[in-house]
Amino acid sequence: MKKDISRRNFLKLLGGGAITTAAVLTGCKSKTDTKAVSEYTKQVEPPVGKMTYRTNPKTNEKVSILGYGMMRLPSKTENKDDYDQEMINKQIDYALEHGVNYFDTSPVYCQGKSEACTGIALSRHKRSEYFIATKLSNFHPDSQTREGSIGMYQKSLKDLQVDYIDYYLLHAIGGGMDEFNKRYVDNGMMDFLMKEREAGRIRNLGFSFHGYKAVFDEVLAMHDKYHWDFVQIELNYLDWNYADEINDRNVDASYLYAELQKYHIPAVIMEPLLGGRLANLPQYLVNELKQHAPDRSVASWAFRYAGTPKGVLTVLSGMTYMEHLKDNLLSYCPLKPLTKKEQEYLHGEIAEKIVGLENIPCNDCKYCMPCPYGIDIPAIFVHYNKCKNEGTLPRLKMDDEYAKLRRNYLISLDRAVPRFRQADHCIGCGQCEPHCPQNIRIPRELQKISEFVETLKRNNWMLEEEQKKE
């Protein structure tokens, strides 16, 4: 059952010293990176031959409970689109060796390079060893014509180097039925895709959902006509009960999952970690989870939670580094389902405390990018959330540490986001907002951060005095 907790009650819940304990007074440089490296160096090798599988009720094929999301590929350098194909090959080889057989991509992931990188890596293996999921990501008007959409589908087959797609999705429906009809119905694409399924070039047809409950209900009710083979939803212990409280345009995962169960439609799970947010919790929550399971990583709690429901076919994770892959394999080789008590602990007690932090629900998916005015939207939100989680946001001027926190925040912001790409350059055009899967009111949040930063920059002599002391 949800509880209504105000900011004041949340602080009472934590206790007087909790925020101070969580605070890192040396600025917003994350300690979680160092801690994560330390944890990963202690990793044992995941066992081979122990992967947990779920059965696709339509095909009777065994699908690994861990699915490889190809959204956040490793790069050779800090240039984010300089993708390291050698490392991608190595990680996919390792994943296959340890039983992962589901790989999820899209024409728009990784600046449009994900499908080609995935195709290169997987084509080195037998086609029978893996399932490929990709999407009709026809967000741009030019790709919403019948010719444009078919062209995108055919390019996916070419880039992935396959002659059929195992799991094909209508990408990110939920914004409205007018949009759904324009992208998939009015242009004849649903008829086309159903014929492709009949011909065997699409083995399973489904959709991924972000958005309004009414759209989900209406599209799901089309099951009698389109016979959805699977549906991809966001499910984690925070969104189970609190998705609609974090953002009134989202839907609780508990509702989405229950509706799919009614139709006997398998669920593919995305965002089990909410873009890493559930792996980078404030230290006091990390300590609490560690008390329950000292040898488990924080991320493993979220992965076990997402994989526990029986109606889940696979759980996707965007694993940039080998360490991420190994940690997730340890959670799923084999999966030890959470008990009912453990599930209630996570989506009740822990989730309630996270909601009280009032973070911006950005998953760093970069769907909002590129900004036409050069603003690095995800980096701004990630930096703000990180500092908030660490307790290093300078809030109260009477705080003894205010000047230091203020200085550290401004310096770390400039290091994380170049000044010409910061929030104060937003003109409120709103081009980013329709593309956000989390339905964040992006211009409004950028304005809030811009005003917060401007407040910190006033009385600049305080910053200068601190710099003189160094």
Protein backbone atom coordinates (compact mmCIF):
# COMPACT_ATOMS: atom_id res chain seq x y z
CA MET A 1 0.00 0.00 0.00
CA LYS A 2 1.31 3.44 -0.88
CA LYS A 3 1.99 5.98 1.77
CA ASP A 4 1.69 9.70 1.39
CA ILE A 5 4.99 11.12 2.63
CA SER A 6 5.83 14.78 2.60
CA ARG A 7 9.37 16.09 2.40
CA ARG A 8 9.26 16.86 6.12
CA ASN A 9 8.01 13.39 7.02
CA PHE A 10 10.66 11.86 4.79
CA LEU A 11 13.41 13.66 6.69
CA LYS A 12 11.90 12.48 9.95
CA LEU A 13 11.82 8.97 8.60
CA LEU A 14 15.54 9.06 7.87
CA GLY A 15 16.46 10.45 11.25
CA GLY A 16 18.43 13.52 12.12
CA GLY A 17 21.88 12.29 11.10
CA ALA A 18 21.07 10.34 7.98
CA ILE A 19 21.50 13.13 5.47
CA THR A 20 24.73 14.26 7.08
CA THR A 21 26.01 10.70 7.04
CA ALA A 22 25.19 10.34 3.38
CA ALA A 23 26.77 13.63 2.44
CA VAL A 24 30.10 13.71 0.66
CA LEU A 25 31.58 17.07 1.53
CA THR A 26 34.33 16.98 -1.06
CA GLY A 27 32.02 17.92 -3.92
CA CYS A 28 29.96 16.02 -6.46
CA LYS A 29 32.64 13.73 -7.78
CA SER A 30 30.99 10.36 -7.32
CA LYS A 31 32.40 7.85 -4.94
CA THR A 32 30.12 5.22 -6.40
CA ASP A 33 32.47 4.79 -9.37
CA THR A 34 35.37 3.91 -7.09
CA LYS A 35 33.18 1.64 -4.98
CA ALA A 36 31.83 -0.09 -8.07
CA VAL A 37 35.36 -0.79 -9.34
CA SER A 38 36.24 -2.16 -5.91
CA GLU A 39 33.19 -4.44 -5.93
CA TYR A 40 33.85 -5.67 -9.44
CA THR A 41 37.49 -6.54 -8.71
CA LYS A 42 36.17 -8.93 -6.06
CA GLN A 43 33.81 -10.61 -8.50
CA VAL A 44 33.96 -14.34 -8.92
CA GLU A 45 33.64 -15.68 -12.43
CA PRO A 46 30.00 -16.41 -13.34
CA PRO A 47 29.36 -20.12 -13.83
CA VAL A 48 28.84 -21.55 -17.31
CA GLY A 49 25.73 -23.64 -17.93
CA LYS A 50 23.69 -22.18 -15.07
CA MET A 51 21.60 -19.54 -16.86
CA THR A 52 17.90 -19.45 -15.99
CA TYR A 53 15.58 -19.66 -19.01
CA ARG A 54 11.92 -18.88 -19.56
CA THR A 55 9.78 -20.52 -22.22
CA ASN A 56 8.11 -18.51 -24.96
CA PRO A 57 4.56 -19.97 -24.89
CA LYS A 58 4.10 -19.42 -28.63
CA THR A 59 7.31 -21.02 -29.90
CA ASN A 60 8.38 -23.13 -26.88
CA GLU A 61 11.85 -21.66 -27.32
CA LYS A 62 14.00 -21.13 -24.24
CA VAL A 63 14.89 -17.47 -23.72
CA SER A 64 17.58 -16.41 -21.26
CA ILE A 65 16.18 -14.43 -18.35
CA LEU A 66 19.01 -11.94 -18.94
CA GLY A 67 18.67 -10.04 -22.21
CA TYR A 68 21.51 -7.93 -23.61
CA GLY A 69 20.38 -4.37 -24.32
CA MET A 70 22.53 -2.85 -27.07
CA MET A 71 21.74 0.76 -26.20
CA ARG A 72 24.89 1.69 -24.26
CA LEU A 73 27.79 0.21 -26.20
CA PRO A 74 31.42 0.68 -25.12
CA SER A 75 33.44 3.39 -26.84
CA LYS A 76 37.15 3.50 -27.60
CA THR A 77 37.50 7.07 -26.37
CA GLU A 78 35.43 9.76 -24.69
CA ASN A 79 33.90 10.35 -28.11
CA LYS A 80 30.62 8.58 -27.45
CA ASP A 81 30.04 7.42 -31.03
CA ASP A 82 33.53 5.91 -31.39
CA TYR A 83 32.26 2.43 -30.65
CA ASP A 84 34.72 -0.31 -29.76
CA GLN A 85 33.72 -3.17 -32.03
CA GLU A 86 36.45 -5.45 -30.69
CA MET A 87 35.14 -5.05 -27.15
CA ILE A 88 31.53 -5.44 -28.33
CA ASN A 89 32.50 -8.73 -29.98
CA LYS A 90 34.29 -9.88 -26.83
CA GLN A 91 31.36 -9.08 -24.55
CA ILE A 92 28.80 -10.72 -26.82
CA ASP A 93 31.01 -13.81 -27.07
CA TYR A 94 31.20 -13.95 -23.28
CA ALA A 95 27.45 -13.44 -22.94
CA LEU A 96 26.68 -16.27 -25.37
CA GLU A 97 29.18 -18.54 -23.63
CA HIS A 98 27.32 -17.95 -20.36
CA GLY A 99 23.88 -18.61 -21.81
CA VAL A 100 22.58 -15.17 -22.87
CA ASN A 101 20.66 -15.58 -26.12
CA TYR A 102 18.41 -12.47 -26.36
CA PHE A 103 19.87 -9.27 -27.84
CA ASP A 104 17.79 -6.10 -28.08
CA THR A 105 18.61 -3.15 -30.35
CA SER A 106 16.97 -0.40 -32.44
CA PRO A 107 17.72 1.69 -35.54
CA VAL A 108 18.03 4.77 -33.31
CA TYR A 109 20.32 3.41 -30.58
CA CYS A 110 23.90 4.67 -30.36
CA GLN A 111 23.47 7.41 -32.96
CA GLY A 112 22.07 4.85 -35.37
CA LYS A 113 25.05 2.47 -35.12
CA SER A 114 23.76 -0.14 -32.68
CA GLU A 115 22.19 -2.51 -35.22
CA ALA A 116 25.31 -2.60 -37.39
CA CYS A 117 27.60 -3.18 -34.37
CA THR A 118 25.27 -5.90 -33.10
CA GLY A 119 25.09 -7.52 -36.51
CA ILE A 120 28.87 -7.66 -36.84
CA ALA A 121 29.26 -9.29 -33.44
CA LEU A 122 26.43 -11.83 -33.71
CA SER A 123 27.02 -12.83 -37.35
CA ARG A 124 30.20 -14.56 -36.16
CA HIS A 125 27.97 -17.15 -34.46
CA LYS A 126 25.36 -19.64 -35.64
CA ARG A 127 21.99 -18.00 -36.21
CA SER A 128 20.31 -20.66 -34.08
CA GLU A 129 22.31 -19.55 -31.02
CA TYR A 130 20.62 -16.18 -30.52
CA PHE A 131 17.40 -14.22 -30.74
CA ILE A 132 17.42 -10.68 -32.11
CA ALA A 133 14.92 -8.04 -31.06
CA THR A 134 14.72 -4.73 -32.86
CA LYS A 135 12.13 -2.06 -33.45
CA LEU A 136 10.22 0.05 -35.92
CA SER A 137 11.54 3.34 -34.51
CA ASN A 138 9.72 5.59 -36.97
CA PHE A 139 9.61 8.69 -34.79
CA HIS A 140 10.60 11.18 -37.52
CA PRO A 141 7.86 12.21 -39.96
CA ASP A 142 10.01 11.12 -42.92
CA SER A 143 10.07 7.55 -41.58
CA GLN A 144 6.32 7.42 -40.91
CA THR A 145 5.27 6.97 -44.51
CA ARG A 146 4.75 3.41 -45.69
CA GLU A 147 7.89 3.62 -47.82
CA GLY A 148 9.93 5.16 -45.01
CA SER A 149 8.82 2.58 -42.45
CA ILE A 150 9.38 -0.38 -44.78
CA GLY A 151 12.78 1.06 -45.62
CA MET A 152 13.68 1.18 -41.92
CA TYR A 153 12.56 -2.44 -41.45
CA GLN A 154 14.58 -3.63 -44.45
CA LYS A 155 17.65 -1.71 -43.30
CA SER A 156 17.40 -3.45 -39.91
CA LEU A 157 17.55 -6.84 -41.62
CA LYS A 158 20.58 -5.71 -43.62
CA ASP A 159 22.48 -4.12 -40.73
CA LEU A 160 21.78 -7.08 -38.45
CA GLN A 161 22.88 -9.46 -41.23
CA VAL A 162 19.83 -11.70 -40.82
CA ASP A 163 16.92 -12.80 -43.00
CA TYR A 164 14.41 -12.84 -40.14
CA ILE A 165 13.88 -11.01 -36.86
CA ASP A 166 12.91 -13.00 -33.79
CA TYR A 167 11.20 -10.21 -31.84
CA TYR A 168 10.00 -7.09 -33.64
CA LEU A 169 8.50 -4.17 -31.72
CA LEU A 170 6.48 -1.07 -32.41
CA HIS A 171 8.81 1.29 -30.60
CA ALA A 172 7.67 3.38 -27.61
CA ILE A 173 3.94 3.64 -28.08
CA GLY A 174 1.99 5.56 -25.46
CA GLY A 175 2.00 9.20 -26.46
CA GLY A 176 -1.50 9.11 -27.93
CA MET A 177 -3.70 7.11 -30.27
CA ASP A 178 -3.39 9.69 -33.04
CA GLU A 179 0.36 9.12 -33.00
CA PHE A 180 -0.07 5.33 -32.89
CA ASN A 181 -2.40 5.35 -35.89
CA LYS A 182 -0.13 7.66 -37.85
CA ARG A 183 2.97 5.53 -37.25
CA TYR A 184 1.46 2.09 -37.69
CA VAL A 185 -2.13 1.94 -38.91
CA ASP A 186 -2.91 4.72 -41.40
CA ASN A 187 0.24 3.96 -43.41
CA GLY A 188 -0.64 0.26 -43.65
CA MET A 189 2.34 -0.89 -41.57
CA MET A 190 0.35 -3.16 -39.27
CA ASP A 191 -0.98 -5.06 -42.28
CA PHE A 192 2.56 -5.23 -43.67
CA LEU A 193 4.07 -6.48 -40.39
CA MET A 194 1.39 -9.13 -39.93
CA LYS A 195 2.15 -10.45 -43.44
CA GLU A 196 5.86 -10.47 -42.59
CA ARG A 197 5.02 -12.52 -39.50
CA GLU A 198 2.98 -14.95 -41.59
CA ALA A 199 5.96 -15.29 -43.96
CA GLY A 200 8.29 -16.05 -41.03
CA ARG A 201 10.50 -13.00 -41.47
CA ILE A 202 9.12 -11.78 -38.12
CA ARG A 203 8.80 -14.57 -35.56
CA ASN A 204 7.18 -12.54 -32.74
CA LEU A 205 5.41 -9.18 -33.00
CA GLY A 206 4.88 -6.83 -30.06
CA PHE A 207 5.31 -3.30 -28.80
CA SER A 208 7.20 -1.36 -26.16
CA PHE A 209 5.27 1.03 -23.96
CA HIS A 210 5.99 4.41 -22.39
CA GLY A 211 3.13 6.76 -21.70
CA TYR A 212 -0.54 7.04 -20.93
CA LYS A 213 -2.64 4.26 -19.40
CA ALA A 214 -5.50 4.87 -21.86
CA VAL A 215 -3.18 4.21 -24.81
CA PHE A 216 -1.83 1.03 -23.24
CA ASP A 217 -5.35 -0.23 -22.60
CA GLU A 218 -6.56 0.54 -26.11
CA VAL A 219 -3.56 -0.98 -27.89
CA LEU A 220 -3.59 -4.06 -25.65
CA ALA A 221 -7.29 -4.51 -26.44
CA MET A 222 -6.25 -4.86 -30.11
CA HIS A 223 -4.87 -8.28 -29.17
CA ASP A 224 -7.87 -9.96 -30.82
CA LYS A 225 -6.89 -8.33 -34.10
CA TYR A 226 -3.09 -8.22 -34.00
CA HIS A 227 -2.32 -11.13 -31.63
CA TRP A 228 0.54 -9.54 -29.72
CA ASP A 229 3.21 -12.15 -29.03
CA PHE A 230 4.93 -10.11 -26.31
CA VAL A 231 4.98 -6.61 -24.81
CA GLN A 232 7.95 -4.70 -23.44
CA ILE A 233 7.30 -2.70 -20.28
CA GLU A 234 9.31 -0.83 -17.67
CA LEU A 235 9.36 -2.83 -14.44
CA ASN A 236 11.46 -2.31 -11.34
CA TYR A 237 10.83 -1.99 -7.62
CA LEU A 238 10.46 1.78 -7.81
CA ASP A 239 8.01 1.81 -10.71
CA TRP A 240 5.96 -1.07 -9.30
CA ASN A 241 3.87 1.29 -7.16
CA TYR A 242 5.32 4.75 -7.70
CA ALA A 243 5.63 5.37 -11.47
CA ASP A 244 2.49 7.51 -11.56
CA GLU A 245 3.60 9.49 -8.50
CA ILE A 246 7.03 10.23 -9.95
CA ASN A 247 5.36 11.41 -13.16
CA ASP A 248 1.60 11.65 -13.69
CA ARG A 249 2.04 10.60 -17.33
CA ASN A 250 3.47 7.20 -16.37
CA VAL A 251 1.74 3.97 -15.33
CA ASP A 252 2.59 1.73 -12.38
CA ALA A 253 4.37 -1.46 -13.40
CA SER A 254 2.06 -3.48 -11.16
CA TYR A 255 -0.86 -2.49 -13.41
CA LEU A 256 0.96 -3.13 -16.70
CA TYR A 257 2.15 -6.55 -15.60
CA ALA A 258 -1.28 -7.57 -14.29
CA GLU A 259 -2.96 -6.60 -17.58
CA LEU A 260 -0.47 -8.63 -19.60
CA GLN A 261 -1.12 -11.59 -17.34
CA LYS A 262 -4.85 -11.34 -18.07
CA TYR A 263 -4.09 -11.71 -21.79
CA HIS A 264 -1.40 -14.37 -21.19
CA ILE A 265 1.13 -12.18 -23.00
CA PRO A 266 4.79 -12.55 -21.96
CA ALA A 267 6.48 -9.42 -20.62
CA VAL A 268 9.92 -8.28 -21.72
CA ILE A 269 11.34 -6.01 -19.05
CA MET A 270 13.27 -2.81 -19.69
CA GLU A 271 14.85 -0.40 -17.20
CA PRO A 272 15.30 -2.84 -14.30
CA LEU A 273 17.88 -0.38 -12.96
CA LEU A 274 16.18 2.80 -14.20
CA GLY A 275 19.21 3.76 -16.25
CA GLY A 276 21.54 2.92 -13.37
CA ARG A 277 19.67 4.89 -10.71
CA LEU A 278 18.87 1.75 -8.71
CA ALA A 279 22.53 0.74 -8.80
CA ASN A 280 23.71 4.13 -7.51
CA LEU A 281 21.64 4.64 -4.41
CA PRO A 282 22.50 7.00 -1.55
CA GLN A 283 25.00 5.40 0.80
CA TYR A 284 22.58 4.92 3.67
CA LEU A 285 20.33 2.81 1.39
CA VAL A 286 23.35 0.88 0.12
CA ASN A 287 24.26 0.10 3.72
CA GLU A 288 20.72 -1.04 4.43
CA LEU A 289 20.70 -3.45 1.48
CA LYS A 290 24.17 -4.71 2.39
CA GLN A 291 22.93 -5.57 5.86
CA HIS A 292 20.40 -7.91 4.27
CA ALA A 293 22.82 -9.45 1.73
CA PRO A 294 26.50 -8.46 2.25
CA ASP A 295 27.77 -10.46 -0.74
CA ARG A 296 25.22 -9.15 -3.23
CA SER A 297 25.71 -6.00 -5.27
CA VAL A 298 23.09 -3.25 -5.03
CA ALA A 299 22.22 -3.82 -8.69
CA SER A 300 21.55 -7.52 -8.10
CA TRP A 301 18.58 -6.67 -5.87
CA ALA A 302 16.92 -4.84 -8.77
CA PHE A 303 17.70 -7.58 -11.29
CA ARG A 304 16.38 -10.35 -9.09
CA TYR A 305 13.25 -8.27 -8.47
CA ALA A 306 12.63 -7.77 -12.20
CA GLY A 307 13.22 -11.44 -13.01
CA THR A 308 11.12 -12.96 -10.24
CA PRO A 309 7.57 -12.63 -11.73
CA LYS A 310 6.65 -15.76 -13.67
CA GLY A 311 5.18 -13.82 -16.60
CA VAL A 312 8.56 -12.23 -17.39
CA LEU A 313 10.25 -13.67 -20.48
CA THR A 314 13.54 -11.76 -20.24
CA VAL A 315 15.04 -8.75 -18.46
CA LEU A 316 17.05 -6.31 -20.56
CA SER A 317 20.19 -4.63 -19.33
CA GLY A 318 22.35 -2.13 -21.23
CA MET A 319 25.75 -3.51 -20.23
CA THR A 320 28.51 -1.15 -21.31
CA TYR A 321 31.36 -2.88 -19.51
CA MET A 322 32.35 -6.49 -18.95
CA GLU A 323 32.04 -5.92 -15.20
CA HIS A 324 28.34 -5.07 -15.63
CA LEU A 325 27.82 -8.22 -17.68
CA LYS A 326 29.53 -10.41 -15.10
CA ASP A 327 27.58 -8.93 -12.21
CA ASN A 328 24.27 -9.50 -14.00
CA LEU A 329 25.26 -13.04 -14.91
CA LEU A 330 25.91 -13.71 -11.24
CA SER A 331 22.32 -12.61 -10.55
CA TYR A 332 20.84 -14.87 -13.22
CA CYS A 333 23.13 -17.93 -13.35
CA PRO A 334 20.88 -19.14 -11.88
CA LEU A 335 18.20 -16.70 -10.79
CA LYS A 336 17.25 -17.09 -7.15
CA PRO A 337 13.77 -15.53 -7.08
CA LEU A 338 13.03 -13.06 -4.34
CA THR A 339 10.67 -14.13 -1.62
CA LYS A 340 7.38 -12.30 -1.26
CA LYS A 341 8.76 -10.61 1.85
CA GLU A 342 11.85 -9.41 -0.05
CA GLN A 343 9.73 -8.07 -2.91
CA GLU A 344 7.52 -6.14 -0.49
CA TYR A 345 10.61 -4.78 1.26
CA LEU A 346 11.95 -3.38 -2.03
CA HIS A 347 8.78 -1.97 -3.63
CA GLY A 348 7.55 -0.80 -0.24
CA GLU A 349 10.17 0.39 2.19
CA ILE A 350 13.16 1.04 -0.10
CA ALA A 351 11.09 2.52 -2.94
CA GLU A 352 9.31 4.83 -0.52
CA LYS A 353 12.60 6.31 0.62
CA ILE A 354 13.82 6.78 -2.96
CA VAL A 355 10.61 8.61 -3.89
CA GLY A 356 11.27 10.99 -1.01
CA LEU A 357 14.50 12.09 -2.68
CA GLU A 358 12.44 13.70 -5.46
CA ASN A 359 15.06 13.11 -8.17
CA ILE A 360 14.53 13.95 -11.82
CA PRO A 361 13.51 10.55 -13.31
CA CYS A 362 16.10 10.63 -16.12
CA ASN A 363 17.46 7.25 -17.26
CA ASP A 364 20.20 8.73 -19.48
CA CYS A 365 18.69 7.01 -22.53
CA LYS A 366 19.48 10.06 -24.70
CA TYR A 367 16.22 9.83 -26.65
CA CYS A 368 15.96 13.61 -26.15
CA MET A 369 19.23 14.18 -27.96
CA PRO A 370 20.57 15.88 -29.92
CA CYS A 371 19.28 19.21 -28.66
CA PRO A 372 19.10 21.75 -31.52
CA TYR A 373 20.72 24.30 -29.22
CA GLY A 374 23.53 22.03 -28.07
CA ILE A 375 22.35 21.44 -24.51
CA ASP A 376 23.54 18.16 -22.97
CA ILE A 377 20.21 17.36 -21.30
CA PRO A 378 21.03 13.89 -19.85
CA ALA A 379 24.40 15.03 -18.46
CA ILE A 380 22.76 17.96 -16.65
CA PHE A 381 20.13 15.71 -15.06
CA VAL A 382 22.61 12.95 -14.17
CA HIS A 383 24.93 15.45 -12.46
CA TYR A 384 22.09 17.01 -10.49
CA ASN A 385 20.70 13.64 -9.35
CA LYS A 386 24.13 12.35 -8.40
CA CYS A 387 24.82 15.34 -6.19
CA LYS A 388 21.37 15.12 -4.67
CA ASN A 389 21.80 11.44 -3.87
CA GLU A 390 25.18 12.09 -2.29
CA GLY A 391 23.77 14.86 -0.15
CA THR A 392 26.08 17.48 -1.64
CA LEU A 393 23.52 19.95 -3.01
CA PRO A 394 24.12 23.31 -1.32
CA ARG A 395 20.74 24.20 0.13
CA LEU A 396 20.87 26.19 3.36
CA LYS A 397 23.09 29.25 3.62
CA MET A 398 23.29 28.87 7.39
CA ASP A 399 24.86 25.44 6.92
CA ASP A 400 28.54 25.51 7.92
CA GLU A 401 29.41 23.64 4.74
CA TYR A 402 27.32 25.80 2.39
CA ALA A 403 30.21 27.77 0.86
CA LYS A 404 32.21 24.63 0.27
CA LEU A 405 29.31 22.69 -1.19
CA ARG A 406 28.35 25.64 -3.37
CA ARG A 407 31.87 25.94 -4.75
CA ASN A 408 32.20 22.20 -5.34
CA TYR A 409 28.84 21.99 -7.09
CA LEU A 410 29.67 24.77 -9.56
CA ILE A 411 33.12 23.42 -10.30
CA SER A 412 31.91 19.84 -10.75
CA LEU A 413 29.09 21.04 -13.02
CA ASP A 414 31.59 22.75 -15.31
CA ARG A 415 33.64 19.57 -15.40
CA ALA A 416 30.64 17.37 -16.15
CA VAL A 417 28.95 19.67 -18.69
CA PRO A 418 30.68 22.36 -20.78
CA ARG A 419 29.25 25.79 -19.99
CA PHE A 420 27.84 26.33 -23.48
CA ARG A 421 25.85 23.08 -23.06
CA GLN A 422 24.35 23.83 -19.63
CA ALA A 423 20.73 24.46 -18.68
CA ASP A 424 20.82 28.25 -18.98
CA HIS A 425 21.04 27.89 -22.77
CA CYS A 426 17.61 26.24 -22.99
CA ILE A 427 15.10 28.44 -24.85
CA GLY A 428 12.13 26.21 -24.04
CA CYS A 429 11.48 25.07 -27.61
CA GLY A 430 10.16 21.75 -26.31
CA GLN A 431 11.47 19.62 -29.18
CA CYS A 432 13.01 17.21 -26.68
CA GLU A 433 9.94 16.53 -24.54
CA PRO A 434 7.90 14.28 -26.89
CA HIS A 435 10.85 11.89 -27.20
CA CYS A 436 11.33 11.29 -23.46
CA PRO A 437 10.20 7.75 -22.45
CA GLN A 438 9.89 8.93 -18.84
CA ASN A 439 7.63 11.83 -19.90
CA ILE A 440 9.83 14.34 -18.10
CA ARG A 441 8.82 17.96 -18.62
CA ILE A 442 12.34 18.68 -19.76
CA PRO A 443 12.25 22.46 -20.38
CA ARG A 444 10.65 23.00 -16.97
CA GLU A 445 13.28 20.91 -15.19
CA LEU A 446 16.10 22.63 -17.07
CA GLN A 447 14.69 26.00 -16.04
CA LYS A 448 14.63 24.92 -12.40
CA ILE A 449 18.26 23.81 -12.55
CA SER A 450 19.25 26.98 -14.39
CA GLU A 451 17.65 29.11 -11.68
CA PHE A 452 19.28 27.01 -8.96
CA VAL A 453 22.73 27.42 -10.56
CA GLU A 454 22.17 31.16 -11.04
CA THR A 455 21.34 31.49 -7.35
CA LEU A 456 24.60 29.75 -6.48
CA LYS A 457 26.55 32.07 -8.75
CA ARG A 458 25.33 35.18 -6.97
CA ASN A 459 27.59 36.68 -4.33
CA ASN A 460 30.46 35.30 -6.38
CA TRP A 461 32.94 36.73 -3.92
CA MET A 462 32.33 33.69 -1.70
CA LEU A 463 33.64 31.41 -4.44
CA GLU A 464 36.60 33.69 -5.08
CA GLU A 465 37.51 33.81 -1.39
CA GLU A 466 37.49 30.03 -1.23
CA GLN A 467 39.72 29.80 -4.31
CA LYS A 468 42.23 32.25 -2.77
CA LYS A 469 42.66 29.97 0.22
CA GLU A 470 43.93 27.11 -1.97
